[in-house]
Amino acid sequence: MHTVSRQLMIAPSLLSADFARLADEANAVPGADWLHVDVMDGHFVPNLTLGLPVVQSLMKYTDIPVDCHLMIDNPDRWAIGYAEAGSYNVTVHAEAAQDPVKLAKNLRAAGARAGLSVKPKTPLEPWVEVLRHYDTLLVMSVEPGFGGQSFIPEVLDKVRTARRLVDTGHLTVLVEIDGGINADTIEAAAEAGVDCFVAGSAVYGAEDPALAVESLRDQARACGSW
């Protein structure tokens, strides 16, 4: 087995930020690798957050690459707009996409990296072949819909599987995790093989969000094979 060089990335989630001050909140984390933006439609998940016009506006106020996580029905129709708006990575849900292979190609053609997300109870194995067409795998470590939930450790088995597939050359995805990531959980996630850590309340609930990003990064670095 050859070990693929891993990227260590922290992606603060604006779901935990002050929605009335999104530009300021984006600028409060200058050391972040990505800005994670949760788009929820009130159908695929029981919550409603923000949509394309807000993402387009946010792009004007930050140089940090935007990582859009679309928790929406019919992403085959709507996701391309987020790529065309300038999102660096656009993630759709395996459970919602009708033609995920075609969707990945369309996202890339529109200028974004393509991400595929799986809910905590969705097994990884049926999606391995589809993931060959994607750049990012987002493993949900809480049920999607609301911030501030507790981390589900059982999902780390999926992370380990994905890490093995990447390390053996079967996949080339970046492994991302979202949900309940904080000082108590980031080390286990790093050891399991996560590359990119989405953190919401652990960053925006801190007195100094920028310092929180670096503290999480230091914790992960101490536990992973970077």
C-alpha atoms as a PDB file:
ATOM      1  CA  MET A   1       0.000   0.000   0.000  1.00  0.00           C
ATOM      2  CA  HIS A   2       1.268   3.450  -0.863  1.00  0.00           C
ATOM      3  CA  THR A   3       0.194   6.270   1.398  1.00  0.00           C
ATOM      4  CA  VAL A   4      -1.266   9.245  -0.407  1.00  0.00           C
ATOM      5  CA  SER A   5      -0.197  12.614   0.918  1.00  0.00           C
ATOM      6  CA  ARG A   6      -3.098  14.028   2.901  1.00  0.00           C
ATOM      7  CA  GLN A   7      -4.209  17.626   3.017  1.00  0.00           C
ATOM      8  CA  LEU A   8      -5.104  19.088   6.402  1.00  0.00           C
ATOM      9  CA  MET A   9      -7.934  21.537   5.940  1.00  0.00           C
ATOM     10  CA  ILE A  10     -10.274  23.375   8.297  1.00  0.00           C
ATOM     11  CA  ALA A  11     -13.581  24.596   6.866  1.00  0.00           C
ATOM     12  CA  PRO A  12     -15.570  26.793   9.268  1.00  0.00           C
ATOM     13  CA  SER A  13     -19.304  26.363   8.786  1.00  0.00           C
ATOM     14  CA  LEU A  14     -21.294  29.548   8.364  1.00  0.00           C
ATOM     15  CA  LEU A  15     -24.350  27.661   9.616  1.00  0.00           C
ATOM     16  CA  SER A  16     -23.124  28.622  13.105  1.00  0.00           C
ATOM     17  CA  ALA A  17     -22.298  32.205  12.153  1.00  0.00           C
ATOM     18  CA  ASP A  18     -24.444  35.314  12.491  1.00  0.00           C
ATOM     19  CA  PHE A  19     -26.492  35.328   9.275  1.00  0.00           C
ATOM     20  CA  ALA A  20     -26.953  39.093   9.527  1.00  0.00           C
ATOM     21  CA  ARG A  21     -23.159  39.579   9.427  1.00  0.00           C
ATOM     22  CA  LEU A  22     -21.973  36.928   6.966  1.00  0.00           C
ATOM     23  CA  ALA A  23     -19.265  39.057   5.357  1.00  0.00           C
ATOM     24  CA  ASP A  24     -17.799  39.936   8.777  1.00  0.00           C
ATOM     25  CA  GLU A  25     -18.039  36.321   9.891  1.00  0.00           C
ATOM     26  CA  ALA A  26     -16.229  35.140   6.766  1.00  0.00           C
ATOM     27  CA  ASN A  27     -13.465  37.651   7.440  1.00  0.00           C
ATOM     28  CA  ALA A  28     -13.195  36.486  11.059  1.00  0.00           C
ATOM     29  CA  VAL A  29     -11.470  33.247   9.952  1.00  0.00           C
ATOM     30  CA  PRO A  30      -8.609  34.392   7.678  1.00  0.00           C
ATOM     31  CA  GLY A  31      -6.679  31.158   8.205  1.00  0.00           C
ATOM     32  CA  ALA A  32      -9.492  28.888   7.029  1.00  0.00           C
ATOM     33  CA  ASP A  33      -8.919  26.688   3.991  1.00  0.00           C
ATOM     34  CA  TRP A  34     -12.549  26.666   2.869  1.00  0.00           C
ATOM     35  CA  LEU A  35     -15.718  28.424   3.979  1.00  0.00           C
ATOM     36  CA  HIS A  36     -18.444  25.807   4.351  1.00  0.00           C
ATOM     37  CA  VAL A  37     -21.888  27.054   3.336  1.00  0.00           C
ATOM     38  CA  ASP A  38     -24.918  24.890   4.094  1.00  0.00           C
ATOM     39  CA  VAL A  39     -27.782  25.330   1.658  1.00  0.00           C
ATOM     40  CA  MET A  40     -31.002  23.759   2.982  1.00  0.00           C
ATOM     41  CA  ASP A  41     -34.369  23.808   1.249  1.00  0.00           C
ATOM     42  CA  GLY A  42     -36.791  22.727   3.979  1.00  0.00           C
ATOM     43  CA  HIS A  43     -37.590  19.581   1.953  1.00  0.00           C
ATOM     44  CA  PHE A  44     -34.537  17.328   1.845  1.00  0.00           C
ATOM     45  CA  VAL A  45     -33.839  18.405   5.418  1.00  0.00           C
ATOM     46  CA  PRO A  46     -36.260  19.977   7.921  1.00  0.00           C
ATOM     47  CA  ASN A  47     -34.534  23.348   7.941  1.00  0.00           C
ATOM     48  CA  LEU A  48     -34.307  26.375   5.668  1.00  0.00           C
ATOM     49  CA  THR A  49     -31.095  28.397   5.516  1.00  0.00           C
ATOM     50  CA  LEU A  50     -29.937  30.376   2.515  1.00  0.00           C
ATOM     51  CA  GLY A  51     -29.718  30.050  -1.242  1.00  0.00           C
ATOM     52  CA  LEU A  52     -27.919  31.128  -4.371  1.00  0.00           C
ATOM     53  CA  PRO A  53     -28.401  34.924  -4.068  1.00  0.00           C
ATOM     54  CA  VAL A  54     -26.749  34.926  -0.637  1.00  0.00           C
ATOM     55  CA  VAL A  55     -23.881  32.761  -1.873  1.00  0.00           C
ATOM     56  CA  GLN A  56     -23.361  35.090  -4.830  1.00  0.00           C
ATOM     57  CA  SER A  57     -23.235  38.074  -2.475  1.00  0.00           C
ATOM     58  CA  LEU A  58     -20.849  36.333  -0.087  1.00  0.00           C
ATOM     59  CA  MET A  59     -18.381  35.693  -2.924  1.00  0.00           C
ATOM     60  CA  LYS A  60     -17.826  39.448  -3.207  1.00  0.00           C
ATOM     61  CA  TYR A  61     -16.563  39.696   0.363  1.00  0.00           C
ATOM     62  CA  THR A  62     -14.198  36.765   0.794  1.00  0.00           C
ATOM     63  CA  ASP A  63     -11.160  35.321  -0.938  1.00  0.00           C
ATOM     64  CA  ILE A  64     -11.507  32.018   0.942  1.00  0.00           C
ATOM     65  CA  PRO A  65     -12.696  29.219  -1.372  1.00  0.00           C
ATOM     66  CA  VAL A  66     -16.392  28.557  -0.797  1.00  0.00           C
ATOM     67  CA  ASP A  67     -17.465  24.971  -0.115  1.00  0.00           C
ATOM     68  CA  CYS A  68     -21.209  24.698  -0.815  1.00  0.00           C
ATOM     69  CA  HIS A  69     -23.020  21.760   0.775  1.00  0.00           C
ATOM     70  CA  LEU A  70     -26.403  21.396  -0.886  1.00  0.00           C
ATOM     71  CA  MET A  71     -28.892  19.647   1.377  1.00  0.00           C
ATOM     72  CA  ILE A  72     -31.639  20.015  -1.194  1.00  0.00           C
ATOM     73  CA  ASP A  73     -33.996  18.024  -3.374  1.00  0.00           C
ATOM     74  CA  ASN A  74     -33.296  17.885  -7.105  1.00  0.00           C
ATOM     75  CA  PRO A  75     -29.622  18.943  -6.974  1.00  0.00           C
ATOM     76  CA  ASP A  76     -29.336  17.852 -10.627  1.00  0.00           C
ATOM     77  CA  ARG A  77     -31.287  20.996 -11.490  1.00  0.00           C
ATOM     78  CA  TRP A  78     -30.015  23.484  -8.910  1.00  0.00           C
ATOM     79  CA  ALA A  79     -26.388  22.623  -8.151  1.00  0.00           C
ATOM     80  CA  ILE A  80     -24.893  23.977 -11.357  1.00  0.00           C
ATOM     81  CA  GLY A  81     -25.845  27.536 -10.404  1.00  0.00           C
ATOM     82  CA  TYR A  82     -23.604  27.334  -7.349  1.00  0.00           C
ATOM     83  CA  ALA A  83     -20.684  26.212  -9.493  1.00  0.00           C
ATOM     84  CA  GLU A  84     -21.317  28.981 -12.007  1.00  0.00           C
ATOM     85  CA  ALA A  85     -21.419  31.491  -9.132  1.00  0.00           C
ATOM     86  CA  GLY A  86     -17.808  30.641  -8.322  1.00  0.00           C
ATOM     87  CA  SER A  87     -18.023  28.026  -5.579  1.00  0.00           C
ATOM     88  CA  TYR A  88     -14.760  26.126  -5.311  1.00  0.00           C
ATOM     89  CA  ASN A  89     -16.440  22.869  -4.268  1.00  0.00           C
ATOM     90  CA  VAL A  90     -20.125  21.975  -4.646  1.00  0.00           C
ATOM     91  CA  THR A  91     -21.342  18.948  -2.702  1.00  0.00           C
ATOM     92  CA  VAL A  92     -24.615  17.177  -3.431  1.00  0.00           C
ATOM     93  CA  HIS A  93     -26.223  14.337  -1.516  1.00  0.00           C
ATOM     94  CA  ALA A  94     -26.080  10.792  -2.827  1.00  0.00           C
ATOM     95  CA  GLU A  95     -29.580  10.301  -1.464  1.00  0.00           C
ATOM     96  CA  ALA A  96     -30.974  13.179  -3.562  1.00  0.00           C
ATOM     97  CA  ALA A  97     -29.095  13.113  -6.875  1.00  0.00           C
ATOM     98  CA  GLN A  98     -30.887  11.388  -9.742  1.00  0.00           C
ATOM     99  CA  ASP A  99     -27.854  11.020 -12.021  1.00  0.00           C
ATOM    100  CA  PRO A 100     -24.819  11.641  -9.824  1.00  0.00           C
ATOM    101  CA  VAL A 101     -22.247  10.773 -12.500  1.00  0.00           C
ATOM    102  CA  LYS A 102     -23.684  13.245 -14.987  1.00  0.00           C
ATOM    103  CA  LEU A 103     -24.059  15.809 -12.216  1.00  0.00           C
ATOM    104  CA  ALA A 104     -20.377  15.500 -11.281  1.00  0.00           C
ATOM    105  CA  LYS A 105     -19.380  16.093 -14.892  1.00  0.00           C
ATOM    106  CA  ASN A 106     -21.671  19.113 -15.121  1.00  0.00           C
ATOM    107  CA  LEU A 107     -20.306  20.617 -11.911  1.00  0.00           C
ATOM    108  CA  ARG A 108     -16.756  20.253 -13.148  1.00  0.00           C
ATOM    109  CA  ALA A 109     -17.681  21.703 -16.535  1.00  0.00           C
ATOM    110  CA  ALA A 110     -19.146  24.703 -14.710  1.00  0.00           C
ATOM    111  CA  GLY A 111     -15.819  25.284 -12.953  1.00  0.00           C
ATOM    112  CA  ALA A 112     -16.225  23.671  -9.532  1.00  0.00           C
ATOM    113  CA  ARG A 113     -14.925  20.599  -7.848  1.00  0.00           C
ATOM    114  CA  ALA A 114     -17.665  18.009  -7.359  1.00  0.00           C
ATOM    115  CA  GLY A 115     -18.484  16.590  -3.940  1.00  0.00           C
ATOM    116  CA  LEU A 116     -20.745  13.716  -2.928  1.00  0.00           C
ATOM    117  CA  SER A 117     -22.154  13.513   0.604  1.00  0.00           C
ATOM    118  CA  VAL A 118     -23.633  10.550   2.463  1.00  0.00           C
ATOM    119  CA  LYS A 119     -25.844  10.713   5.548  1.00  0.00           C
ATOM    120  CA  PRO A 120     -24.798   8.825   8.710  1.00  0.00           C
ATOM    121  CA  LYS A 121     -26.972   5.789   7.895  1.00  0.00           C
ATOM    122  CA  THR A 122     -26.100   5.650   4.186  1.00  0.00           C
ATOM    123  CA  PRO A 123     -23.516   2.925   3.475  1.00  0.00           C
ATOM    124  CA  LEU A 124     -20.459   3.895   1.452  1.00  0.00           C
ATOM    125  CA  GLU A 125     -19.978   0.736  -0.593  1.00  0.00           C
ATOM    126  CA  PRO A 126     -22.803   1.279  -3.146  1.00  0.00           C
ATOM    127  CA  TRP A 127     -21.302   4.665  -4.010  1.00  0.00           C
ATOM    128  CA  VAL A 128     -17.661   3.725  -4.529  1.00  0.00           C
ATOM    129  CA  GLU A 129     -17.907   3.485  -8.325  1.00  0.00           C
ATOM    130  CA  VAL A 130     -19.813   6.771  -8.500  1.00  0.00           C
ATOM    131  CA  LEU A 131     -17.134   8.421  -6.344  1.00  0.00           C
ATOM    132  CA  ARG A 132     -14.582   7.807  -9.104  1.00  0.00           C
ATOM    133  CA  HIS A 133     -16.208  10.778 -10.821  1.00  0.00           C
ATOM    134  CA  TYR A 134     -16.005  13.039  -7.750  1.00  0.00           C
ATOM    135  CA  ASP A 135     -13.305  15.150  -6.108  1.00  0.00           C
ATOM    136  CA  THR A 136     -14.657  15.186  -2.553  1.00  0.00           C
ATOM    137  CA  LEU A 137     -16.454  12.728  -0.279  1.00  0.00           C
ATOM    138  CA  LEU A 138     -18.344  14.441   2.538  1.00  0.00           C
ATOM    139  CA  VAL A 139     -19.185  12.041   5.366  1.00  0.00           C
ATOM    140  CA  MET A 140     -21.968  13.408   7.554  1.00  0.00           C
ATOM    141  CA  SER A 141     -21.280  12.771  11.240  1.00  0.00           C
ATOM    142  CA  VAL A 142     -24.675  14.115  12.324  1.00  0.00           C
ATOM    143  CA  GLU A 143     -28.076  13.913  10.678  1.00  0.00           C
ATOM    144  CA  PRO A 144     -28.107  16.833   8.227  1.00  0.00           C
ATOM    145  CA  GLY A 145     -30.351  19.763   8.961  1.00  0.00           C
ATOM    146  CA  PHE A 146     -29.261  21.529  12.129  1.00  0.00           C
ATOM    147  CA  GLY A 147     -26.007  22.729  13.662  1.00  0.00           C
ATOM    148  CA  GLY A 148     -24.818  21.968  17.164  1.00  0.00           C
ATOM    149  CA  GLN A 149     -25.599  18.242  17.120  1.00  0.00           C
ATOM    150  CA  SER A 150     -23.497  15.540  18.772  1.00  0.00           C
ATOM    151  CA  PHE A 151     -20.911  13.647  16.739  1.00  0.00           C
ATOM    152  CA  ILE A 152     -21.838  10.096  15.660  1.00  0.00           C
ATOM    153  CA  PRO A 153     -18.612   8.055  16.049  1.00  0.00           C
ATOM    154  CA  GLU A 154     -19.897   5.085  14.051  1.00  0.00           C
ATOM    155  CA  VAL A 155     -19.449   7.036  10.806  1.00  0.00           C
ATOM    156  CA  LEU A 156     -15.679   6.816  11.226  1.00  0.00           C
ATOM    157  CA  ASP A 157     -15.863   3.296   9.779  1.00  0.00           C
ATOM    158  CA  LYS A 158     -16.863   4.929   6.487  1.00  0.00           C
ATOM    159  CA  VAL A 159     -13.959   7.347   6.793  1.00  0.00           C
ATOM    160  CA  ARG A 160     -11.535   4.458   7.308  1.00  0.00           C
ATOM    161  CA  THR A 161     -12.930   2.665   4.277  1.00  0.00           C
ATOM    162  CA  ALA A 162     -12.605   5.788   2.147  1.00  0.00           C
ATOM    163  CA  ARG A 163      -9.071   6.386   3.404  1.00  0.00           C
ATOM    164  CA  ARG A 164      -8.053   2.854   2.409  1.00  0.00           C
ATOM    165  CA  LEU A 165      -9.568   3.306  -1.052  1.00  0.00           C
ATOM    166  CA  VAL A 166      -7.671   6.559  -1.523  1.00  0.00           C
ATOM    167  CA  ASP A 167      -4.416   5.172  -0.169  1.00  0.00           C
ATOM    168  CA  THR A 168      -4.611   2.154  -2.487  1.00  0.00           C
ATOM    169  CA  GLY A 169      -5.354   4.312  -5.514  1.00  0.00           C
ATOM    170  CA  HIS A 170      -8.936   3.164  -6.013  1.00  0.00           C
ATOM    171  CA  LEU A 171     -10.303   6.659  -5.352  1.00  0.00           C
ATOM    172  CA  THR A 172      -8.808  10.144  -5.581  1.00  0.00           C
ATOM    173  CA  VAL A 173     -11.293  11.986  -3.367  1.00  0.00           C
ATOM    174  CA  LEU A 174     -10.545  14.387  -0.561  1.00  0.00           C
ATOM    175  CA  VAL A 175     -12.230  13.014   2.567  1.00  0.00           C
ATOM    176  CA  GLU A 176     -14.299  15.641   4.378  1.00  0.00           C
ATOM    177  CA  ILE A 177     -16.371  15.315   7.562  1.00  0.00           C
ATOM    178  CA  ASP A 178     -19.205  17.512   8.792  1.00  0.00           C
ATOM    179  CA  GLY A 179     -21.097  17.457  12.085  1.00  0.00           C
ATOM    180  CA  GLY A 180     -20.087  17.759  15.712  1.00  0.00           C
ATOM    181  CA  ILE A 181     -16.411  18.411  14.969  1.00  0.00           C
ATOM    182  CA  ASN A 182     -14.751  20.118  17.931  1.00  0.00           C
ATOM    183  CA  ALA A 183     -11.800  19.761  20.294  1.00  0.00           C
ATOM    184  CA  ASP A 184     -13.257  16.519  21.663  1.00  0.00           C
ATOM    185  CA  THR A 185     -13.848  14.790  18.319  1.00  0.00           C
ATOM    186  CA  ILE A 186     -11.329  16.095  15.792  1.00  0.00           C
ATOM    187  CA  GLU A 187      -8.526  13.795  16.903  1.00  0.00           C
ATOM    188  CA  ALA A 188     -10.530  10.615  16.307  1.00  0.00           C
ATOM    189  CA  ALA A 189     -11.603  11.939  12.909  1.00  0.00           C
ATOM    190  CA  ALA A 190      -8.007  12.752  11.986  1.00  0.00           C
ATOM    191  CA  GLU A 191      -6.808   9.310  13.035  1.00  0.00           C
ATOM    192  CA  ALA A 192      -9.557   7.705  10.933  1.00  0.00           C
ATOM    193  CA  GLY A 193      -8.322   9.486   7.831  1.00  0.00           C
ATOM    194  CA  VAL A 194     -10.199  12.762   7.367  1.00  0.00           C
ATOM    195  CA  ASP A 195      -8.531  15.467   5.250  1.00  0.00           C
ATOM    196  CA  CYS A 196     -10.984  18.350   5.666  1.00  0.00           C
ATOM    197  CA  PHE A 197     -12.811  19.136   8.912  1.00  0.00           C
ATOM    198  CA  VAL A 198     -15.999  21.194   8.870  1.00  0.00           C
ATOM    199  CA  ALA A 199     -16.477  22.955  12.203  1.00  0.00           C
ATOM    200  CA  GLY A 200     -19.369  25.241  13.028  1.00  0.00           C
ATOM    201  CA  SER A 201     -20.066  26.057  16.655  1.00  0.00           C
ATOM    202  CA  ALA A 202     -16.493  25.056  17.606  1.00  0.00           C
ATOM    203  CA  VAL A 203     -15.312  28.020  15.518  1.00  0.00           C
ATOM    204  CA  TYR A 204     -18.104  30.578  15.584  1.00  0.00           C
ATOM    205  CA  GLY A 205     -19.056  29.814  19.155  1.00  0.00           C
ATOM    206  CA  ALA A 206     -15.515  30.635  20.262  1.00  0.00           C
ATOM    207  CA  GLU A 207     -14.425  34.044  21.523  1.00  0.00           C
ATOM    208  CA  ASP A 208     -11.755  34.172  18.819  1.00  0.00           C
ATOM    209  CA  PRO A 209     -12.850  32.231  15.692  1.00  0.00           C
ATOM    210  CA  ALA A 210      -9.473  32.601  13.984  1.00  0.00           C
ATOM    211  CA  LEU A 211      -7.676  31.149  16.996  1.00  0.00           C
ATOM    212  CA  ALA A 212     -10.222  28.336  17.164  1.00  0.00           C
ATOM    213  CA  VAL A 213      -9.405  27.393  13.557  1.00  0.00           C
ATOM    214  CA  GLU A 214      -5.698  27.173  14.325  1.00  0.00           C
ATOM    215  CA  SER A 215      -6.267  25.237  17.554  1.00  0.00           C
ATOM    216  CA  LEU A 216      -8.337  22.648  15.673  1.00  0.00           C
ATOM    217  CA  ARG A 217      -5.663  22.461  12.998  1.00  0.00           C
ATOM    218  CA  ASP A 218      -2.949  21.855  15.593  1.00  0.00           C
ATOM    219  CA  GLN A 219      -5.009  19.096  17.222  1.00  0.00           C
ATOM    220  CA  ALA A 220      -5.632  17.350  13.928  1.00  0.00           C
ATOM    221  CA  ARG A 221      -2.013  17.665  12.844  1.00  0.00           C
ATOM    222  CA  ALA A 222      -0.872  15.920  16.017  1.00  0.00           C
ATOM    223  CA  CYS A 223      -3.059  12.889  15.237  1.00  0.00           C
ATOM    224  CA  GLY A 224      -2.960  12.380  11.495  1.00  0.00           C
ATOM    225  CA  SER A 225      -0.350  11.158   9.025  1.00  0.00           C
ATOM    226  CA  TRP A 226       0.185  14.402   7.126  1.00  0.00           C
END
